[in-house]
Protein backbone atom coordinates (compact mmCIF):
# COMPACT_ATOMS: atom_id res chain seq x y z
CA GLN A 1 21.88 -27.75 13.04
CA VAL A 2 24.28 -25.70 12.11
CA GLN A 3 27.72 -27.27 10.42
CA LEU A 4 30.50 -26.66 7.72
CA VAL A 5 31.27 -29.54 5.71
CA GLU A 6 34.84 -29.75 4.03
CA SER A 7 35.53 -31.51 0.31
CA GLY A 8 38.64 -31.15 -2.41
CA GLY A 9 40.76 -32.34 -0.32
CA GLY A 10 42.98 -35.07 -2.55
CA LEU A 11 46.80 -36.19 -3.16
CA VAL A 12 48.76 -33.77 -5.31
CA GLN A 13 52.62 -33.25 -6.38
CA PRO A 14 54.62 -30.02 -5.84
CA GLY A 15 53.42 -27.69 -8.02
CA GLY A 16 49.97 -28.83 -8.52
CA SER A 17 46.61 -27.34 -7.91
CA LEU A 18 43.62 -28.01 -5.65
CA LYS A 19 40.05 -26.37 -4.59
CA LEU A 20 38.68 -26.73 -1.78
CA SER A 21 34.81 -26.00 -1.08
CA CYS A 22 32.60 -25.76 2.29
CA VAL A 23 29.22 -26.00 2.27
CA THR A 24 27.84 -24.60 5.16
CA SER A 25 24.39 -24.46 7.16
CA GLY A 26 23.86 -20.99 5.85
CA GLY A 27 23.48 -17.93 7.96
CA PHE A 28 27.09 -16.28 7.94
CA SER A 29 26.43 -14.15 5.27
CA ARG A 30 27.74 -11.36 7.95
CA ASN A 31 30.61 -13.49 8.84
CA THR A 32 34.05 -12.94 8.30
CA MET A 33 34.55 -16.75 7.18
CA ALA A 34 37.83 -18.48 7.51
CA TRP A 35 40.36 -21.47 6.24
CA TYR A 36 42.75 -23.28 8.90
CA ARG A 37 44.97 -26.05 8.77
CA GLN A 38 46.91 -28.45 10.65
CA GLY A 39 49.50 -30.19 10.07
CA THR A 40 50.87 -33.37 11.77
CA GLY A 41 52.14 -32.49 15.54
CA ASN A 42 51.65 -28.97 14.73
CA ARG A 43 48.50 -26.59 16.05
CA ARG A 44 46.02 -25.51 13.98
CA THR A 45 46.64 -22.42 12.31
CA VAL A 46 44.13 -19.54 10.45
CA ILE A 47 45.64 -19.19 6.71
CA ALA A 48 43.05 -16.87 4.99
CA THR A 49 40.13 -15.33 5.53
CA VAL A 50 37.19 -13.60 3.84
CA SER A 51 35.38 -10.50 5.49
CA HIS A 52 31.45 -10.70 4.75
CA THR A 53 32.37 -7.69 2.25
CA GLY A 54 34.34 -9.75 0.41
CA TYR A 55 38.19 -8.70 1.94
CA ALA A 56 40.50 -11.12 1.48
CA ASP A 57 43.56 -12.07 3.60
CA TYR A 58 46.29 -14.69 4.04
CA ASP A 59 48.94 -15.72 5.76
CA GLU A 60 52.24 -15.02 4.33
CA ASP A 61 52.93 -18.40 3.61
CA VAL A 62 49.89 -18.95 0.81
CA ARG A 63 49.75 -15.45 -0.15
CA GLY A 64 49.98 -15.22 -3.82
CA ARG A 65 49.61 -18.95 -3.92
CA PHE A 66 45.55 -19.52 -2.38
CA THR A 67 42.77 -18.05 -3.34
CA ILE A 68 39.67 -17.63 -0.77
CA SER A 69 36.48 -16.68 -1.66
CA ARG A 70 32.54 -17.12 -0.82
CA ASP A 71 28.94 -17.30 -2.47
CA ASP A 72 26.56 -16.70 0.05
CA ALA A 73 23.97 -17.07 -2.02
CA LYS A 74 25.55 -20.92 -2.15
CA ASN A 75 26.58 -20.98 1.41
CA THR A 76 29.79 -21.71 -0.29
CA VAL A 77 33.31 -21.09 1.11
CA SER A 78 36.48 -22.06 -1.11
CA LEU A 79 40.14 -22.25 -1.11
CA GLU A 80 41.68 -21.76 -4.46
CA MET A 81 45.66 -23.76 -4.06
CA ASN A 82 48.13 -22.99 -6.14
CA ASP A 83 51.54 -23.76 -6.51
CA LEU A 84 51.45 -26.26 -3.79
CA LYS A 85 54.60 -27.21 -1.64
CA PRO A 86 55.15 -30.03 0.57
CA GLU A 87 54.87 -28.23 3.22
CA ASP A 88 51.43 -27.75 2.67
CA THR A 89 50.50 -30.78 3.76
CA ALA A 90 48.00 -30.52 5.82
CA VAL A 91 44.02 -30.99 7.27
CA TYR A 92 42.40 -28.14 6.19
CA PHE A 93 39.63 -26.68 7.93
CA CYS A 94 37.10 -23.69 7.41
CA ASN A 95 35.22 -21.93 10.07
CA VAL A 96 34.16 -18.50 11.24
CA ARG A 97 37.06 -16.24 12.18
CA PRO A 98 37.31 -16.10 15.13
CA PRO A 99 36.50 -19.89 15.23
CA LEU A 100 33.30 -21.39 16.82
CA ARG A 101 34.42 -24.97 18.81
CA GLU A 102 31.09 -26.06 17.62
CA LEU A 103 31.61 -25.99 13.91
CA TRP A 104 34.93 -27.92 13.25
CA GLY A 105 33.83 -29.93 11.06
CA GLN A 106 36.28 -33.14 9.85
CA GLY A 107 37.91 -31.16 7.60
CA ALA A 108 39.68 -32.03 3.69
CA GLN A 109 43.26 -33.87 4.07
CA VAL A 110 45.57 -31.91 1.23
CA THR A 111 48.76 -34.23 0.75
CA VAL A 112 51.90 -32.51 -1.68
CA THR A 113 53.97 -35.28 -2.13
CA SER A 114 56.42 -36.33 -5.54
């Protein structure tokens, strides 16, 4: 069964850091992978992508603060988040880009509050 499982979320103060991990069931080495997030009352949006060659791109809201990476040998996609802000509070998901409905997992809750 193909699946993606996110972990690493939590509660952090503004200015803090977290690292999210997404472990896949494998088979995505040729896919562009992405992290998405959905805040309460908002639609799910893409915030970072990494191509199969390692090229990374970011939404302007997170550029310079977040870093996406992938390790295909470990079937893992990571998102390192620094200088977190309250507006980063959301559920974070990984998926391919463009996303496939059947790959959405439970996500990882990130809450940034003082």
